All heavy atoms as atom14 arrays in JSON, in Angstrom:
{
  "sequence": "LWAARFFKTRGLATDAVAGGRVHVNGARVKASKEVRVGDTVETTI",
  "atom14_mask": [
    [1, 1, 1, 1, 1, 1, 1, 1, 0, 0, 0, 0, 0, 0],
    [1, 1, 1, 1, 1, 1, 1, 1, 1, 1, 1, 1, 1, 1],
    [1, 1, 1, 1, 1, 0, 0, 0, 0, 0, 0, 0, 0, 0],
    [1, 1, 1, 1, 1, 0, 0, 0, 0, 0, 0, 0, 0, 0],
    [1, 1, 1, 1, 1, 1, 1, 1, 1, 1, 1, 0, 0, 0],
    [1, 1, 1, 1, 1, 1, 1, 1, 1, 1, 1, 0, 0, 0],
    [1, 1, 1, 1, 1, 1, 1, 1, 1, 1, 1, 0, 0, 0],
    [1, 1, 1, 1, 1, 1, 1, 1, 1, 0, 0, 0, 0, 0],
    [1, 1, 1, 1, 1, 1, 1, 0, 0, 0, 0, 0, 0, 0],
    [1, 1, 1, 1, 1, 1, 1, 1, 1, 1, 1, 0, 0, 0],
    [1, 1, 1, 1, 0, 0, 0, 0, 0, 0, 0, 0, 0, 0],
    [1, 1, 1, 1, 1, 1, 1, 1, 0, 0, 0, 0, 0, 0],
    [1, 1, 1, 1, 1, 0, 0, 0, 0, 0, 0, 0, 0, 0],
    [1, 1, 1, 1, 1, 1, 1, 0, 0, 0, 0, 0, 0, 0],
    [1, 1, 1, 1, 1, 1, 1, 1, 0, 0, 0, 0, 0, 0],
    [1, 1, 1, 1, 1, 0, 0, 0, 0, 0, 0, 0, 0, 0],
    [1, 1, 1, 1, 1, 1, 1, 0, 0, 0, 0, 0, 0, 0],
    [1, 1, 1, 1, 1, 0, 0, 0, 0, 0, 0, 0, 0, 0],
    [1, 1, 1, 1, 0, 0, 0, 0, 0, 0, 0, 0, 0, 0],
    [1, 1, 1, 1, 0, 0, 0, 0, 0, 0, 0, 0, 0, 0],
    [1, 1, 1, 1, 1, 1, 1, 1, 1, 1, 1, 0, 0, 0],
    [1, 1, 1, 1, 1, 1, 1, 0, 0, 0, 0, 0, 0, 0],
    [1, 1, 1, 1, 1, 1, 1, 1, 1, 1, 0, 0, 0, 0],
    [1, 1, 1, 1, 1, 1, 1, 0, 0, 0, 0, 0, 0, 0],
    [1, 1, 1, 1, 1, 1, 1, 1, 0, 0, 0, 0, 0, 0],
    [1, 1, 1, 1, 0, 0, 0, 0, 0, 0, 0, 0, 0, 0],
    [1, 1, 1, 1, 1, 0, 0, 0, 0, 0, 0, 0, 0, 0],
    [1, 1, 1, 1, 1, 1, 1, 1, 1, 1, 1, 0, 0, 0],
    [1, 1, 1, 1, 1, 1, 1, 0, 0, 0, 0, 0, 0, 0],
    [1, 1, 1, 1, 1, 1, 1, 1, 1, 0, 0, 0, 0, 0],
    [1, 1, 1, 1, 1, 0, 0, 0, 0, 0, 0, 0, 0, 0],
    [1, 1, 1, 1, 1, 1, 0, 0, 0, 0, 0, 0, 0, 0],
    [1, 1, 1, 1, 1, 1, 1, 1, 1, 0, 0, 0, 0, 0],
    [1, 1, 1, 1, 1, 1, 1, 1, 1, 0, 0, 0, 0, 0],
    [1, 1, 1, 1, 1, 1, 1, 0, 0, 0, 0, 0, 0, 0],
    [1, 1, 1, 1, 1, 1, 1, 1, 1, 1, 1, 0, 0, 0],
    [1, 1, 1, 1, 1, 1, 1, 0, 0, 0, 0, 0, 0, 0],
    [1, 1, 1, 1, 0, 0, 0, 0, 0, 0, 0, 0, 0, 0],
    [1, 1, 1, 1, 1, 1, 1, 1, 0, 0, 0, 0, 0, 0],
    [1, 1, 1, 1, 1, 1, 1, 0, 0, 0, 0, 0, 0, 0],
    [1, 1, 1, 1, 1, 1, 1, 0, 0, 0, 0, 0, 0, 0],
    [1, 1, 1, 1, 1, 1, 1, 1, 1, 0, 0, 0, 0, 0],
    [1, 1, 1, 1, 1, 1, 1, 0, 0, 0, 0, 0, 0, 0],
    [1, 1, 1, 1, 1, 1, 1, 0, 0, 0, 0, 0, 0, 0],
    [1, 1, 1, 1, 1, 1, 1, 1, 0, 0, 0, 0, 0, 0]
  ],
  "atom14_positions": [
    [[114.4, 62.57, 94.65], [113.19, 63.34, 94.77], [112.87, 63.97, 93.41], [111.66, 64.0, 92.99], [113.27, 64.41, 95.8], [113.25, 63.91, 97.25], [113.71, 65.09, 98.15], [111.92, 63.39, 97.66], [0.0, 0.0, 0.0], [0.0, 0.0, 0.0], [0.0, 0.0, 0.0], [0.0, 0.0, 0.0], [0.0, 0.0, 0.0], [0.0, 0.0, 0.0]],
    [[113.86, 64.45, 92.64], [113.67, 65.08, 91.33], [113.24, 63.92, 90.29], [112.32, 64.15, 89.63], [114.89, 65.76, 90.88], [114.92, 66.12, 89.51], [114.24, 67.15, 88.88], [115.66, 65.52, 88.49], [114.53, 67.18, 87.55], [115.43, 66.19, 87.24], [116.6, 64.44, 88.4], [116.02, 65.83, 86.05], [117.17, 64.12, 87.24], [116.88, 64.78, 86.01]],
    [[113.94, 62.86, 90.39], [113.65, 61.73, 89.43], [112.3, 61.22, 89.63], [111.54, 60.75, 88.78], [114.74, 60.71, 89.5], [0.0, 0.0, 0.0], [0.0, 0.0, 0.0], [0.0, 0.0, 0.0], [0.0, 0.0, 0.0], [0.0, 0.0, 0.0], [0.0, 0.0, 0.0], [0.0, 0.0, 0.0], [0.0, 0.0, 0.0], [0.0, 0.0, 0.0]],
    [[111.85, 61.07, 90.94], [110.57, 60.46, 91.27], [109.41, 61.53, 91.12], [108.26, 61.2, 91.37], [110.55, 59.95, 92.68], [0.0, 0.0, 0.0], [0.0, 0.0, 0.0], [0.0, 0.0, 0.0], [0.0, 0.0, 0.0], [0.0, 0.0, 0.0], [0.0, 0.0, 0.0], [0.0, 0.0, 0.0], [0.0, 0.0, 0.0], [0.0, 0.0, 0.0]],
    [[109.75, 62.71, 90.63], [108.81, 63.73, 90.27], [108.08, 64.42, 91.51], [106.92, 64.74, 91.36], [107.85, 63.28, 89.22], [108.57, 63.02, 87.93], [107.62, 62.58, 86.86], [108.36, 62.3, 85.6], [108.33, 63.16, 84.53], [107.72, 64.3, 84.7], [109.03, 62.85, 83.54], [0.0, 0.0, 0.0], [0.0, 0.0, 0.0], [0.0, 0.0, 0.0]],
    [[108.73, 64.48, 92.62], [108.2, 65.2, 93.67], [108.38, 66.67, 93.54], [107.66, 67.44, 93.96], [108.87, 64.72, 95.03], [108.36, 63.43, 95.58], [108.92, 62.21, 95.21], [107.26, 63.38, 96.4], [108.47, 61.07, 95.71], [106.72, 62.17, 96.88], [107.4, 60.99, 96.46], [0.0, 0.0, 0.0], [0.0, 0.0, 0.0], [0.0, 0.0, 0.0]],
    [[109.47, 67.0, 92.82], [109.82, 68.36, 92.55], [110.11, 68.62, 90.97], [110.56, 67.66, 90.4], [111.08, 68.81, 93.33], [110.79, 68.83, 94.84], [111.14, 67.77, 95.61], [110.19, 69.92, 95.41], [110.85, 67.76, 96.92], [109.94, 69.96, 96.76], [110.3, 68.84, 97.57], [0.0, 0.0, 0.0], [0.0, 0.0, 0.0], [0.0, 0.0, 0.0]],
    [[109.76, 69.78, 90.56], [109.99, 70.06, 89.15], [111.46, 70.14, 88.74], [111.73, 69.75, 87.6], [109.24, 71.32, 88.83], [108.68, 71.49, 87.44], [107.85, 72.72, 87.34], [106.88, 72.54, 86.18], [106.02, 73.69, 86.0], [0.0, 0.0, 0.0], [0.0, 0.0, 0.0], [0.0, 0.0, 0.0], [0.0, 0.0, 0.0], [0.0, 0.0, 0.0]],
    [[112.33, 70.72, 89.56], [113.72, 70.81, 89.22], [114.49, 70.21, 90.4], [114.02, 70.1, 91.56], [114.12, 72.27, 89.06], [113.96, 72.94, 90.34], [113.29, 72.91, 87.99], [0.0, 0.0, 0.0], [0.0, 0.0, 0.0], [0.0, 0.0, 0.0], [0.0, 0.0, 0.0], [0.0, 0.0, 0.0], [0.0, 0.0, 0.0], [0.0, 0.0, 0.0]],
    [[115.78, 69.89, 90.08], [116.65, 69.4, 91.13], [116.97, 70.47, 92.13], [117.16, 70.17, 93.36], [117.87, 68.78, 90.47], [118.78, 68.1, 91.48], [119.79, 67.27, 90.87], [120.82, 66.9, 91.86], [122.11, 66.67, 91.59], [122.52, 66.67, 90.34], [122.9, 66.4, 92.53], [0.0, 0.0, 0.0], [0.0, 0.0, 0.0], [0.0, 0.0, 0.0]],
    [[117.07, 71.64, 91.68], [117.34, 72.83, 92.61], [116.2, 72.98, 93.59], [116.51, 73.21, 94.82], [0.0, 0.0, 0.0], [0.0, 0.0, 0.0], [0.0, 0.0, 0.0], [0.0, 0.0, 0.0], [0.0, 0.0, 0.0], [0.0, 0.0, 0.0], [0.0, 0.0, 0.0], [0.0, 0.0, 0.0], [0.0, 0.0, 0.0], [0.0, 0.0, 0.0]],
    [[114.96, 72.73, 93.2], [113.91, 72.88, 94.16], [113.96, 71.74, 95.24], [113.73, 71.93, 96.37], [112.53, 72.84, 93.48], [112.08, 74.05, 92.71], [110.85, 73.78, 91.87], [111.96, 75.25, 93.64], [0.0, 0.0, 0.0], [0.0, 0.0, 0.0], [0.0, 0.0, 0.0], [0.0, 0.0, 0.0], [0.0, 0.0, 0.0], [0.0, 0.0, 0.0]],
    [[114.34, 70.57, 94.73], [114.53, 69.42, 95.65], [115.67, 69.7, 96.58], [115.53, 69.42, 97.87], [114.78, 68.14, 94.85], [0.0, 0.0, 0.0], [0.0, 0.0, 0.0], [0.0, 0.0, 0.0], [0.0, 0.0, 0.0], [0.0, 0.0, 0.0], [0.0, 0.0, 0.0], [0.0, 0.0, 0.0], [0.0, 0.0, 0.0], [0.0, 0.0, 0.0]],
    [[116.76, 70.27, 96.17], [117.93, 70.55, 97.01], [117.47, 71.58, 98.09], [117.84, 71.49, 99.26], [119.08, 71.05, 96.19], [119.43, 70.06, 95.2], [120.28, 71.3, 97.07], [0.0, 0.0, 0.0], [0.0, 0.0, 0.0], [0.0, 0.0, 0.0], [0.0, 0.0, 0.0], [0.0, 0.0, 0.0], [0.0, 0.0, 0.0], [0.0, 0.0, 0.0]],
    [[116.68, 72.6, 97.62], [116.29, 73.62, 98.56], [115.33, 73.1, 99.63], [115.41, 73.52, 100.86], [115.61, 74.81, 97.84], [116.51, 75.6, 96.98], [117.73, 75.49, 97.17], [115.96, 76.29, 96.07], [0.0, 0.0, 0.0], [0.0, 0.0, 0.0], [0.0, 0.0, 0.0], [0.0, 0.0, 0.0], [0.0, 0.0, 0.0], [0.0, 0.0, 0.0]],
    [[114.46, 72.19, 99.26], [113.54, 71.53, 100.26], [114.35, 70.71, 101.28], [114.03, 70.7, 102.42], [112.6, 70.62, 99.49], [0.0, 0.0, 0.0], [0.0, 0.0, 0.0], [0.0, 0.0, 0.0], [0.0, 0.0, 0.0], [0.0, 0.0, 0.0], [0.0, 0.0, 0.0], [0.0, 0.0, 0.0], [0.0, 0.0, 0.0], [0.0, 0.0, 0.0]],
    [[115.35, 69.95, 100.76], [116.18, 69.16, 101.7], [116.97, 70.09, 102.64], [116.97, 69.85, 103.87], [117.13, 68.23, 100.91], [118.08, 67.59, 101.88], [116.39, 67.24, 100.12], [0.0, 0.0, 0.0], [0.0, 0.0, 0.0], [0.0, 0.0, 0.0], [0.0, 0.0, 0.0], [0.0, 0.0, 0.0], [0.0, 0.0, 0.0], [0.0, 0.0, 0.0]],
    [[117.54, 71.18, 102.1], [118.29, 72.12, 102.92], [117.3, 72.82, 103.93], [117.8, 73.21, 105.04], [119.05, 73.12, 102.1], [0.0, 0.0, 0.0], [0.0, 0.0, 0.0], [0.0, 0.0, 0.0], [0.0, 0.0, 0.0], [0.0, 0.0, 0.0], [0.0, 0.0, 0.0], [0.0, 0.0, 0.0], [0.0, 0.0, 0.0], [0.0, 0.0, 0.0]],
    [[116.07, 73.03, 103.54], [115.14, 73.69, 104.35], [114.56, 72.88, 105.47], [113.67, 73.32, 106.25], [0.0, 0.0, 0.0], [0.0, 0.0, 0.0], [0.0, 0.0, 0.0], [0.0, 0.0, 0.0], [0.0, 0.0, 0.0], [0.0, 0.0, 0.0], [0.0, 0.0, 0.0], [0.0, 0.0, 0.0], [0.0, 0.0, 0.0], [0.0, 0.0, 0.0]],
    [[114.82, 71.62, 105.49], [114.33, 70.75, 106.52], [113.01, 70.15, 106.22], [112.31, 69.57, 107.15], [0.0, 0.0, 0.0], [0.0, 0.0, 0.0], [0.0, 0.0, 0.0], [0.0, 0.0, 0.0], [0.0, 0.0, 0.0], [0.0, 0.0, 0.0], [0.0, 0.0, 0.0], [0.0, 0.0, 0.0], [0.0, 0.0, 0.0], [0.0, 0.0, 0.0]],
    [[112.51, 70.22, 105.02], [111.24, 69.69, 104.64], [111.3, 68.27, 104.15], [110.29, 67.73, 103.68], [110.58, 70.59, 103.6], [110.26, 71.98, 104.22], [109.54, 72.86, 103.26], [110.16, 73.01, 101.95], [111.04, 73.91, 101.59], [111.35, 74.85, 102.38], [111.44, 74.01, 100.35], [0.0, 0.0, 0.0], [0.0, 0.0, 0.0], [0.0, 0.0, 0.0]],
    [[112.44, 67.6, 104.21], [112.55, 66.25, 103.77], [113.3, 65.48, 104.93], [114.34, 65.93, 105.47], [113.39, 66.14, 102.51], [113.61, 64.67, 102.18], [112.75, 66.85, 101.36], [0.0, 0.0, 0.0], [0.0, 0.0, 0.0], [0.0, 0.0, 0.0], [0.0, 0.0, 0.0], [0.0, 0.0, 0.0], [0.0, 0.0, 0.0], [0.0, 0.0, 0.0]],
    [[112.73, 64.3, 105.31], [113.28, 63.44, 106.3], [113.43, 62.05, 105.76], [112.51, 61.57, 105.02], [112.42, 63.48, 107.56], [112.42, 64.71, 108.33], [111.6, 65.81, 107.91], [113.03, 65.16, 109.42], [111.81, 66.82, 108.68], [112.63, 66.43, 109.64], [0.0, 0.0, 0.0], [0.0, 0.0, 0.0], [0.0, 0.0, 0.0], [0.0, 0.0, 0.0]],
    [[114.57, 61.36, 106.09], [114.73, 59.99, 105.6], [114.81, 59.17, 106.83], [115.69, 59.42, 107.72], [116.0, 59.87, 104.76], [116.25, 58.38, 104.42], [115.93, 60.68, 103.46], [0.0, 0.0, 0.0], [0.0, 0.0, 0.0], [0.0, 0.0, 0.0], [0.0, 0.0, 0.0], [0.0, 0.0, 0.0], [0.0, 0.0, 0.0], [0.0, 0.0, 0.0]],
    [[113.95, 58.17, 106.98], [113.88, 57.29, 108.15], [113.78, 58.12, 109.43], [114.41, 57.78, 110.45], [115.12, 56.4, 108.25], [115.19, 55.43, 107.04], [114.16, 55.05, 106.48], [116.4, 55.08, 106.6], [0.0, 0.0, 0.0], [0.0, 0.0, 0.0], [0.0, 0.0, 0.0], [0.0, 0.0, 0.0], [0.0, 0.0, 0.0], [0.0, 0.0, 0.0]],
    [[112.99, 59.24, 109.41], [112.73, 60.03, 110.57], [113.69, 60.98, 110.91], [113.62, 61.79, 111.98], [0.0, 0.0, 0.0], [0.0, 0.0, 0.0], [0.0, 0.0, 0.0], [0.0, 0.0, 0.0], [0.0, 0.0, 0.0], [0.0, 0.0, 0.0], [0.0, 0.0, 0.0], [0.0, 0.0, 0.0], [0.0, 0.0, 0.0], [0.0, 0.0, 0.0]],
    [[114.85, 61.12, 110.21], [115.88, 62.08, 110.53], [116.07, 63.12, 109.41], [115.96, 62.76, 108.22], [117.23, 61.32, 110.68], [0.0, 0.0, 0.0], [0.0, 0.0, 0.0], [0.0, 0.0, 0.0], [0.0, 0.0, 0.0], [0.0, 0.0, 0.0], [0.0, 0.0, 0.0], [0.0, 0.0, 0.0], [0.0, 0.0, 0.0], [0.0, 0.0, 0.0]],
    [[116.28, 64.31, 109.78], [116.61, 65.38, 108.85], [117.94, 65.07, 108.14], [118.82, 64.7, 108.82], [116.64, 66.77, 109.55], [116.79, 67.9, 108.68], [116.72, 69.11, 109.44], [117.13, 70.31, 108.52], [116.96, 71.57, 108.89], [116.52, 71.89, 110.13], [117.37, 72.48, 108.04], [0.0, 0.0, 0.0], [0.0, 0.0, 0.0], [0.0, 0.0, 0.0]],
    [[118.0, 65.37, 106.9], [119.16, 64.93, 106.14], [119.68, 66.14, 105.31], [119.01, 67.13, 105.03], [118.86, 63.75, 105.21], [118.59, 62.55, 106.02], [117.76, 64.03, 104.22], [0.0, 0.0, 0.0], [0.0, 0.0, 0.0], [0.0, 0.0, 0.0], [0.0, 0.0, 0.0], [0.0, 0.0, 0.0], [0.0, 0.0, 0.0], [0.0, 0.0, 0.0]],
    [[120.92, 65.93, 104.81], [121.49, 66.88, 103.8], [121.26, 66.34, 102.38], [120.88, 65.09, 102.24], [123.08, 66.9, 104.01], [123.31, 67.62, 105.38], [124.84, 67.75, 105.47], [125.15, 68.48, 106.77], [126.72, 68.53, 106.98], [0.0, 0.0, 0.0], [0.0, 0.0, 0.0], [0.0, 0.0, 0.0], [0.0, 0.0, 0.0], [0.0, 0.0, 0.0]],
    [[121.42, 67.17, 101.37], [121.14, 66.8, 99.97], [122.05, 65.64, 99.54], [121.69, 64.91, 98.61], [121.35, 68.0, 99.1], [0.0, 0.0, 0.0], [0.0, 0.0, 0.0], [0.0, 0.0, 0.0], [0.0, 0.0, 0.0], [0.0, 0.0, 0.0], [0.0, 0.0, 0.0], [0.0, 0.0, 0.0], [0.0, 0.0, 0.0], [0.0, 0.0, 0.0]],
    [[123.2, 65.44, 100.17], [124.05, 64.37, 99.73], [123.79, 63.0, 100.34], [124.44, 62.07, 99.95], [125.59, 64.79, 100.08], [125.69, 64.94, 101.46], [0.0, 0.0, 0.0], [0.0, 0.0, 0.0], [0.0, 0.0, 0.0], [0.0, 0.0, 0.0], [0.0, 0.0, 0.0], [0.0, 0.0, 0.0], [0.0, 0.0, 0.0], [0.0, 0.0, 0.0]],
    [[122.83, 62.92, 101.21], [122.43, 61.69, 101.81], [121.94, 60.65, 100.81], [121.22, 61.02, 99.87], [121.32, 61.97, 102.86], [120.6, 60.71, 103.28], [121.42, 59.93, 104.26], [120.58, 58.74, 104.8], [121.41, 57.77, 105.48], [0.0, 0.0, 0.0], [0.0, 0.0, 0.0], [0.0, 0.0, 0.0], [0.0, 0.0, 0.0], [0.0, 0.0, 0.0]],
    [[122.56, 59.5, 100.8], [122.14, 58.5, 99.88], [120.94, 57.72, 100.38], [120.87, 57.25, 101.46], [123.27, 57.46, 99.61], [124.44, 58.23, 98.86], [125.2, 57.14, 98.05], [125.01, 55.96, 98.17], [126.02, 57.61, 97.21], [0.0, 0.0, 0.0], [0.0, 0.0, 0.0], [0.0, 0.0, 0.0], [0.0, 0.0, 0.0], [0.0, 0.0, 0.0]],
    [[119.95, 57.58, 99.52], [118.7, 56.89, 99.83], [118.82, 55.47, 99.18], [119.34, 55.33, 98.12], [117.44, 57.68, 99.36], [117.4, 57.78, 97.88], [116.2, 57.1, 99.9], [0.0, 0.0, 0.0], [0.0, 0.0, 0.0], [0.0, 0.0, 0.0], [0.0, 0.0, 0.0], [0.0, 0.0, 0.0], [0.0, 0.0, 0.0], [0.0, 0.0, 0.0]],
    [[118.29, 54.53, 99.84], [118.39, 53.14, 99.38], [116.97, 52.52, 99.37], [116.06, 53.0, 99.95], [119.25, 52.31, 100.3], [120.66, 52.71, 100.26], [121.54, 51.89, 101.31], [122.95, 52.1, 101.11], [123.66, 53.21, 101.38], [122.91, 54.29, 101.8], [124.95, 53.33, 101.17], [0.0, 0.0, 0.0], [0.0, 0.0, 0.0], [0.0, 0.0, 0.0]],
    [[116.75, 51.46, 98.65], [115.54, 50.75, 98.6], [115.13, 50.27, 100.06], [115.94, 49.76, 100.77], [115.63, 49.47, 97.66], [114.29, 48.72, 97.71], [115.88, 49.99, 96.31], [0.0, 0.0, 0.0], [0.0, 0.0, 0.0], [0.0, 0.0, 0.0], [0.0, 0.0, 0.0], [0.0, 0.0, 0.0], [0.0, 0.0, 0.0], [0.0, 0.0, 0.0]],
    [[113.87, 50.6, 100.41], [113.43, 50.22, 101.68], [113.44, 51.41, 102.67], [112.76, 51.32, 103.75], [0.0, 0.0, 0.0], [0.0, 0.0, 0.0], [0.0, 0.0, 0.0], [0.0, 0.0, 0.0], [0.0, 0.0, 0.0], [0.0, 0.0, 0.0], [0.0, 0.0, 0.0], [0.0, 0.0, 0.0], [0.0, 0.0, 0.0], [0.0, 0.0, 0.0]],
    [[114.03, 52.53, 102.36], [114.03, 53.73, 103.24], [112.74, 54.35, 103.14], [111.95, 54.27, 102.21], [115.14, 54.67, 102.75], [116.55, 54.32, 103.1], [116.72, 53.4, 103.9], [117.45, 54.93, 102.54], [0.0, 0.0, 0.0], [0.0, 0.0, 0.0], [0.0, 0.0, 0.0], [0.0, 0.0, 0.0], [0.0, 0.0, 0.0], [0.0, 0.0, 0.0]],
    [[112.32, 55.09, 104.24], [111.09, 55.8, 104.3], [111.48, 57.3, 104.16], [112.27, 57.81, 104.86], [110.42, 55.63, 105.69], [110.16, 54.23, 105.81], [109.16, 56.36, 105.77], [0.0, 0.0, 0.0], [0.0, 0.0, 0.0], [0.0, 0.0, 0.0], [0.0, 0.0, 0.0], [0.0, 0.0, 0.0], [0.0, 0.0, 0.0], [0.0, 0.0, 0.0]],
    [[110.81, 57.94, 103.23], [111.08, 59.35, 102.92], [109.76, 60.17, 103.2], [108.71, 59.78, 102.81], [111.48, 59.57, 101.47], [111.72, 61.06, 101.13], [112.78, 58.79, 101.09], [0.0, 0.0, 0.0], [0.0, 0.0, 0.0], [0.0, 0.0, 0.0], [0.0, 0.0, 0.0], [0.0, 0.0, 0.0], [0.0, 0.0, 0.0], [0.0, 0.0, 0.0]],
    [[109.98, 61.22, 103.99], [108.82, 62.08, 104.39], [109.09, 63.47, 103.79], [110.15, 64.07, 104.13], [108.65, 62.14, 105.88], [107.49, 62.95, 106.36], [107.33, 62.92, 107.81], [107.94, 61.99, 108.47], [106.64, 63.81, 108.32], [0.0, 0.0, 0.0], [0.0, 0.0, 0.0], [0.0, 0.0, 0.0], [0.0, 0.0, 0.0], [0.0, 0.0, 0.0]],
    [[108.24, 63.91, 103.0], [108.34, 65.31, 102.35], [107.21, 66.19, 102.71], [106.12, 65.65, 102.8], [108.48, 65.22, 100.79], [107.3, 64.66, 100.32], [109.68, 64.37, 100.33], [0.0, 0.0, 0.0], [0.0, 0.0, 0.0], [0.0, 0.0, 0.0], [0.0, 0.0, 0.0], [0.0, 0.0, 0.0], [0.0, 0.0, 0.0], [0.0, 0.0, 0.0]],
    [[107.52, 67.44, 102.91], [106.39, 68.4, 103.11], [106.48, 69.43, 101.97], [107.49, 70.18, 101.85], [106.59, 69.04, 104.42], [106.63, 68.11, 105.4], [105.45, 70.0, 104.71], [0.0, 0.0, 0.0], [0.0, 0.0, 0.0], [0.0, 0.0, 0.0], [0.0, 0.0, 0.0], [0.0, 0.0, 0.0], [0.0, 0.0, 0.0], [0.0, 0.0, 0.0]],
    [[105.49, 69.53, 101.14], [105.43, 70.49, 100.05], [104.21, 71.36, 100.25], [103.07, 70.89, 100.14], [105.33, 69.75, 98.67], [106.54, 68.8, 98.54], [105.29, 70.79, 97.52], [106.39, 67.94, 97.36], [0.0, 0.0, 0.0], [0.0, 0.0, 0.0], [0.0, 0.0, 0.0], [0.0, 0.0, 0.0], [0.0, 0.0, 0.0], [0.0, 0.0, 0.0]]
  ]
}
């Protein structure tokens, strides 16, 4: 999320994931979740 420029800092990206504003393939995830090519990521900013 940080590298793709959804968030300005990695800390903000981590906080968004911990706050439940990021879902991968429809499921709430932790910051350590590995994302792969083909996954669907839903973010709320």
